[in-house]
Amino acid sequence: MLLRGGRCLQQYIVDMYVKIKNTRLDYFRNNQETIRAELYQGIIDTVGNGECRATKVGKRVILPPTFLGGSRDIKKRYLNSMALVHRFGKPDLFITMTCNAGWPEIKDQLAPGEEAHNRPDLVARVFRVKFLVRKNQIVDRHIFGEVAAYVYVVEFQKRGLPHVHFLIILKDGYRLKCPADFDQFVCAEIPSTTNPALRTIVLKHIMHGSCGKLDPKCSCMKHAKTPDK
């Protein structure tokens, strides 16, 4: 019944996420000694910053690097990424993979009248599986060449669909050094009819279709008019 709640399911997921996050924050707030917070906070921070006003002296709650999304977690991930660049060189490929609500794996699991954006649990699971397959193709099957190092981050769009950004550093023998190397993987034109499957995918997902009177229901239309009118 919960999965049939539509927006109520979304609200429930948000509420549960907030509860879990608050529980973790309460733990860190009440266990500052176990994370050696005295190294960062209170009088020590005030003296270190050259603060001389007593009203500015206080006690902060320190979030350790294990708290996802915290300032120390973000800094740690940034420094780890820069260490890879320092060790293996600049990234060769920037690849983005976006979730598609029209994937058969998602549509086949939706109940009659159900919409994908009201089932974030299903969308996230399907995207996770496809993401692992894509990562395996890049890292283990070497579809772009042997990989020296890689980093990625998963983000969620405003409509709730996830997407992932890859930064790939290839080994020396597989680096892309000239336009001809990039042309092996990048194509800025509509595929020919000799590859009908790829041509259909590009025309469906990348090209902007007819709008206006030809298609009043096009996504760029608002009240049966284009935004610039």
Protein backbone atom coordinates (compact mmCIF):
# COMPACT_ATOMS: atom_id res chain seq x y z
CA MET A 1 0.00 0.00 0.00
CA LEU A 2 2.87 2.39 0.81
CA LEU A 3 4.30 2.06 -2.69
CA ARG A 4 0.94 3.13 -4.15
CA GLY A 5 0.93 6.40 -2.24
CA GLY A 6 2.36 8.57 -5.03
CA ARG A 7 3.56 11.84 -3.52
CA CYS A 8 2.80 10.52 -0.05
CA LEU A 9 5.53 7.93 -0.62
CA GLN A 10 7.95 10.69 -1.58
CA GLN A 11 7.07 12.63 1.58
CA TYR A 12 7.49 9.50 3.69
CA ILE A 13 10.95 8.85 2.21
CA VAL A 14 12.01 12.45 2.91
CA ASP A 15 10.73 12.24 6.50
CA MET A 16 12.60 8.99 7.13
CA TYR A 17 15.78 10.43 5.64
CA VAL A 18 15.54 13.48 7.91
CA LYS A 19 15.04 11.25 10.95
CA ILE A 20 18.11 9.16 10.12
CA LYS A 21 20.20 12.26 9.43
CA ASN A 22 19.10 13.88 12.71
CA THR A 23 19.97 10.69 14.58
CA ARG A 24 23.50 10.75 13.18
CA LEU A 25 23.87 14.44 14.00
CA ASP A 26 22.68 13.82 17.56
CA TYR A 27 25.29 11.09 17.93
CA PHE A 28 28.14 13.35 16.85
CA ARG A 29 26.82 16.17 19.04
CA ASN A 30 26.79 13.93 22.11
CA ASN A 31 30.07 12.14 21.40
CA GLN A 32 32.45 14.97 20.58
CA GLU A 33 35.14 13.49 22.82
CA THR A 34 35.28 10.26 20.86
CA ILE A 35 36.08 12.12 17.62
CA ARG A 36 38.74 14.29 19.31
CA ALA A 37 36.75 17.44 18.65
CA GLU A 38 38.83 19.34 21.19
CA LEU A 39 41.45 19.67 18.46
CA TYR A 40 39.17 21.93 16.44
CA GLN A 41 36.68 23.79 18.58
CA GLY A 42 36.06 26.39 21.28
CA ILE A 43 38.88 28.47 22.67
CA ILE A 44 41.51 26.84 20.45
CA ASP A 45 39.68 27.88 17.27
CA THR A 46 39.09 31.37 18.66
CA VAL A 47 42.74 31.94 19.52
CA GLY A 48 43.87 30.48 16.23
CA ASN A 49 41.62 32.83 14.29
CA GLY A 50 42.87 35.87 16.25
CA GLU A 51 39.43 36.57 17.73
CA CYS A 52 39.51 38.96 20.70
CA ARG A 53 35.78 39.48 21.37
CA ALA A 54 34.37 37.32 24.15
CA THR A 55 30.93 37.24 22.52
CA LYS A 56 32.42 35.33 19.61
CA VAL A 57 33.80 32.57 21.80
CA GLY A 58 31.63 29.48 21.70
CA LYS A 59 31.48 25.76 21.23
CA ARG A 60 30.89 24.27 17.82
CA VAL A 61 29.80 20.75 16.96
CA ILE A 62 32.50 19.11 14.84
CA LEU A 63 31.41 16.70 12.12
CA PRO A 64 34.04 14.05 11.30
CA PRO A 65 34.95 12.97 7.75
CA THR A 66 32.68 9.93 8.16
CA PHE A 67 29.60 12.19 8.00
CA LEU A 68 28.60 12.22 4.33
CA GLY A 69 28.15 15.70 2.95
CA GLY A 70 30.03 17.41 5.75
CA SER A 71 32.80 19.89 5.07
CA ARG A 72 35.53 17.46 6.11
CA ASP A 73 34.03 14.67 4.00
CA ILE A 74 33.93 16.92 0.94
CA LYS A 75 37.50 18.10 1.53
CA LYS A 76 38.71 14.53 1.96
CA ARG A 77 37.13 13.44 -1.32
CA TYR A 78 38.55 16.48 -3.11
CA LEU A 79 42.07 15.82 -1.82
CA ASN A 80 41.81 12.13 -2.78
CA SER A 81 40.79 13.12 -6.31
CA MET A 82 43.63 15.63 -6.60
CA ALA A 83 46.05 12.94 -5.39
CA LEU A 84 44.94 10.72 -8.30
CA VAL A 85 45.54 13.57 -10.74
CA HIS A 86 48.97 14.22 -9.21
CA ARG A 87 49.87 10.52 -9.47
CA PHE A 88 48.35 9.51 -12.83
CA GLY A 89 47.89 12.80 -14.69
CA LYS A 90 44.90 14.77 -15.91
CA PRO A 91 41.63 12.94 -16.75
CA ASP A 92 41.15 11.89 -20.36
CA LEU A 93 37.39 11.35 -20.43
CA PHE A 94 34.40 13.01 -18.78
CA ILE A 95 31.40 10.71 -19.11
CA THR A 96 27.84 11.33 -17.93
CA MET A 97 25.20 8.62 -17.58
CA THR A 98 21.62 9.79 -16.98
CA CYS A 99 18.68 7.73 -15.78
CA ASN A 100 15.82 7.35 -18.24
CA ALA A 101 12.32 6.93 -16.82
CA GLY A 102 11.39 5.16 -20.07
CA TRP A 103 13.73 2.22 -19.51
CA PRO A 104 11.81 -1.08 -19.92
CA GLU A 105 13.19 -2.28 -16.58
CA ILE A 106 11.34 0.61 -14.90
CA LYS A 107 8.17 0.67 -16.97
CA ASP A 108 7.61 -3.09 -16.66
CA GLN A 109 7.52 -2.83 -12.85
CA LEU A 110 5.06 0.07 -12.66
CA ALA A 111 1.46 -0.67 -11.72
CA PRO A 112 -1.35 0.54 -14.00
CA GLY A 113 -1.60 4.34 -13.75
CA GLU A 114 1.63 4.58 -11.78
CA GLU A 115 4.36 7.05 -12.81
CA ALA A 116 8.11 6.59 -12.48
CA HIS A 117 8.70 9.79 -10.49
CA ASN A 118 6.42 8.44 -7.74
CA ARG A 119 8.61 5.34 -7.34
CA PRO A 120 12.07 6.70 -6.46
CA ASP A 121 12.93 3.35 -4.85
CA LEU A 122 12.43 1.53 -8.16
CA VAL A 123 14.21 4.19 -10.20
CA ALA A 124 17.23 4.19 -7.88
CA ARG A 125 17.53 0.40 -7.91
CA VAL A 126 17.38 0.12 -11.71
CA PHE A 127 19.82 2.99 -12.15
CA ARG A 128 22.21 1.39 -9.66
CA VAL A 129 22.26 -1.88 -11.61
CA LYS A 130 22.82 -0.15 -14.96
CA PHE A 131 25.48 2.06 -13.42
CA LEU A 132 27.41 -1.00 -12.18
CA VAL A 133 27.20 -2.55 -15.64
CA ARG A 134 28.53 0.64 -17.24
CA LYS A 135 31.35 0.89 -14.70
CA ASN A 136 32.30 -2.72 -15.39
CA GLN A 137 32.46 -1.98 -19.12
CA ILE A 138 34.77 0.99 -18.55
CA VAL A 139 37.02 -0.34 -15.77
CA ASP A 140 37.13 -4.11 -16.34
CA ARG A 141 36.28 -4.59 -20.02
CA HIS A 142 38.33 -1.55 -21.13
CA ILE A 143 35.92 -0.24 -23.77
CA PHE A 144 37.93 3.02 -23.82
CA GLY A 145 41.27 1.39 -23.04
CA GLU A 146 42.97 0.34 -19.82
CA VAL A 147 42.05 2.59 -16.91
CA ALA A 148 44.72 3.90 -14.53
CA ALA A 149 42.30 5.64 -12.14
CA TYR A 150 38.74 6.95 -12.02
CA VAL A 151 36.38 8.92 -9.81
CA TYR A 152 32.63 9.40 -10.04
CA VAL A 153 29.79 11.15 -8.28
CA VAL A 154 26.06 10.36 -8.35
CA GLU A 155 23.66 13.30 -8.31
CA PHE A 156 19.89 13.67 -8.42
CA GLN A 157 18.07 16.09 -10.70
CA LYS A 158 15.13 18.22 -9.58
CA ARG A 159 12.70 15.66 -10.97
CA GLY A 160 14.33 12.95 -8.88
CA LEU A 161 16.16 11.10 -11.67
CA PRO A 162 19.77 10.20 -10.79
CA HIS A 163 22.79 10.69 -13.02
CA VAL A 164 26.48 9.95 -12.60
CA HIS A 165 29.59 11.84 -13.72
CA PHE A 166 32.75 9.84 -14.46
CA LEU A 167 36.29 11.17 -14.71
CA ILE A 168 38.50 8.56 -16.37
CA ILE A 169 42.31 8.60 -16.39
CA LEU A 170 43.68 6.17 -18.98
CA LYS A 171 47.06 4.48 -18.94
CA ASP A 172 49.83 5.99 -21.07
CA GLY A 173 49.38 3.62 -23.99
CA TYR A 174 45.66 4.47 -24.30
CA ARG A 175 45.59 8.25 -23.78
CA LEU A 176 43.71 10.40 -26.28
CA LYS A 177 46.27 12.77 -27.78
CA CYS A 178 44.86 13.96 -31.10
CA PRO A 179 41.46 14.58 -32.78
CA ALA A 180 41.62 11.20 -34.51
CA ASP A 181 41.78 9.49 -31.09
CA PHE A 182 38.68 11.34 -29.88
CA ASP A 183 36.81 10.55 -33.10
CA GLN A 184 36.92 6.88 -32.12
CA PHE A 185 34.53 7.56 -29.23
CA VAL A 186 32.90 10.95 -29.86
CA CYS A 187 30.56 11.69 -32.77
CA ALA A 188 28.68 14.98 -33.21
CA GLU A 189 26.37 13.89 -36.03
CA ILE A 190 23.26 11.78 -36.55
CA PRO A 191 24.27 8.14 -37.16
CA SER A 192 23.65 6.84 -40.65
CA THR A 193 21.02 4.27 -41.56
CA THR A 194 23.71 1.58 -41.52
CA ASN A 195 23.33 1.60 -37.73
CA PRO A 196 19.54 1.84 -37.25
CA ALA A 197 19.57 1.03 -33.52
CA LEU A 198 21.99 3.87 -32.65
CA ARG A 199 20.21 6.23 -35.05
CA THR A 200 16.88 5.57 -33.32
CA ILE A 201 18.38 6.21 -29.86
CA VAL A 202 19.95 9.52 -30.94
CA LEU A 203 16.80 10.79 -32.65
CA LYS A 204 14.62 9.82 -29.68
CA HIS A 205 16.70 11.07 -26.76
CA ILE A 206 19.02 13.79 -28.11
CA MET A 207 17.25 15.52 -30.99
CA HIS A 208 14.48 18.02 -30.25
CA GLY A 209 11.32 16.81 -31.94
CA SER A 210 8.48 18.76 -33.54
CA CYS A 211 6.64 21.28 -31.38
CA GLY A 212 4.06 24.02 -31.85
CA LYS A 213 1.03 22.99 -33.87
CA LEU A 214 2.76 19.77 -34.95
CA ASP A 215 3.02 18.56 -31.35
CA PRO A 216 1.19 20.69 -28.72
CA LYS A 217 2.16 18.17 -26.02
CA CYS A 218 5.90 18.60 -26.57
CA SER A 219 7.88 19.15 -23.35
CA CYS A 220 8.89 22.67 -24.46
CA MET A 221 5.26 23.75 -24.78
CA LYS A 222 3.38 25.67 -22.06
CA HIS A 223 -0.35 26.27 -22.40
CA ALA A 224 -0.11 25.12 -26.02
CA LYS A 225 2.46 27.86 -26.75
CA THR A 226 6.24 27.92 -26.92
CA PRO A 227 7.89 29.83 -24.01
CA ASP A 228 9.18 32.65 -26.24
CA LYS A 229 5.62 33.45 -27.36
